[in-house]
Amino acid sequence: SPAHGPTNPARAGEAVAGSGEPQPWHGARWFEVQLTYTASKAGGTPEQQRQQGSSAASDSSSDGGGLFTPGLLVIMIREVTERVRARAAEKELAATRAERILMEERISRQKDDEVNRFADHQVKNAILEALVALDGISGMHARTVASGLVTAGSGYDAAFTERWQDVESMLQHTLDSVLTQALARDVVNASYTPRQEATDLVAILTRRGKTPGVVTSTDPSPFPVLEIDPKLLRHIHENAVSNAAKYGSRRGRIETHLLHHDGHLRMRVINEAGEDHATLLGLKDTSVVFEKGVRLDARGRPGGGDRVTQTTVSAGDGAWIMQSCARALGGECTLSVTPTHTCLDLVCPAHMHVTHDDVMGFALPPDSRAITLAVVPERAKVLVTAISHAGVTHERTLVLGGSEAEEDLNSCAQRIVAEVRAHPA
């Protein structure tokens, strides 16, 4: 009755028919309906059987299809309100428990991140102070050499300079390691936001010019300045070069190729095949190396060197972190293997800091005038062409020193002053 059941006809029908997943609401009572039908069996005397058969035939003919057979229909109705409510409460409790666990993990990770950031900040400040002190020592040594107390180029001077450079290199390397570790932690925890800035990739990727075997080529050349996060890209490149040196041919050639086309950057790090190269050739899917905890066994590991293993230590997360950095840039890392080489390929979106259209679209005000000074006539022509691209016509351009008649600086200065007085701003 309406007093003991839902008032919504659609939901009432759902509750009675038992179709779908019941959704409890305030004041509702739920019932489960079970229908059982049993066809009657022929029995009794032959005369009774003939009467039942004729009756069934009459019903079938009147119905037109023989769809009904005499039998017994049992309808069983059970109230399941408490069971439905208990099931809904269990689901809600499970969802609340899962949400609480996620919240606790998030808070714990945030606390760990804050502690790690504080520690990294303290270490970074200590290293920076050491670098400042090292610069002060270098300045004192330079003043000592200038005063004549130490002979420039002497053994003492050379030894001091070499040792000073070694200490500076170690401190800089330690600082980079701290910053790289902090970056990797933020990337894998999805708490790092890429910072797009004008970046000279050739400069940042080759700033460690002492790395043996690394050759950088670019297309186009010179390579344009791109809007990209330099920290993420440098981390990917340094890990790729490190893996190439570790798993590639000893003292082999490692190449870095940069390509920019159609708003995308492609960086390829290629190394020659090493001792464990057969393992990579045997992989059906090279993307497995970018999974968390997966790495190629290093040479010299017991029972290793010829297989890809699953590890539980951070040593197997390098490629996974590289892939995380690539995805933070909006791109992806892939690995291709040939019988003679291994290539790590990064492709990500990257736009030029200044495009060709920006350069060609630049124009000075139409009433601008230009004065060029060039001793060599060919250079004067180049200057005039550049000025014309900037929107200054040849009639408004004064060329000094570009004619066959040599002009000294005094005469050029006089002509410049006269030109400015003739056309004041």
Foldseek 3Di string as FASTA:
>chain_A
DVQAAPPDVVLRVCQADVPDQRDDDPRHWGKYKDKDKDADDDDDDPVVSVVQVVVQVVVCVVVPHSPDGDTDMDIDMDTCRVVSVVVVVVVVVVVVVVVVVVVVVVVVLVVVLVVLVVVLVVLLVVLVVVVVVLVVVVVVVVVCCVVVVDPPPDPVNVVVVVVSVVVNVVSVVVNLVSVLVSVLSCLVVVNDAAAWDFDQQVCLQCVVVVDAQEAEDEPPPVDFTWGGRNSLVNLLSVLLVVVLCQQADPSWHWYWYWYDDDQKIKIKIKGWGYQQQVLCVPDPAQCVLLDAQWDADGPPDVVGSHYIDGHDDCVSNSSVSNQSSLVSQVWGWDWDGDPTMIMIMIMHGIGGPADPCNQQVAADPQPDAEEEEDQELVVQVVVQVSNVSNNHDPVRYHYHNNDPDGDDPVVVVVVVVVSCVVPPD
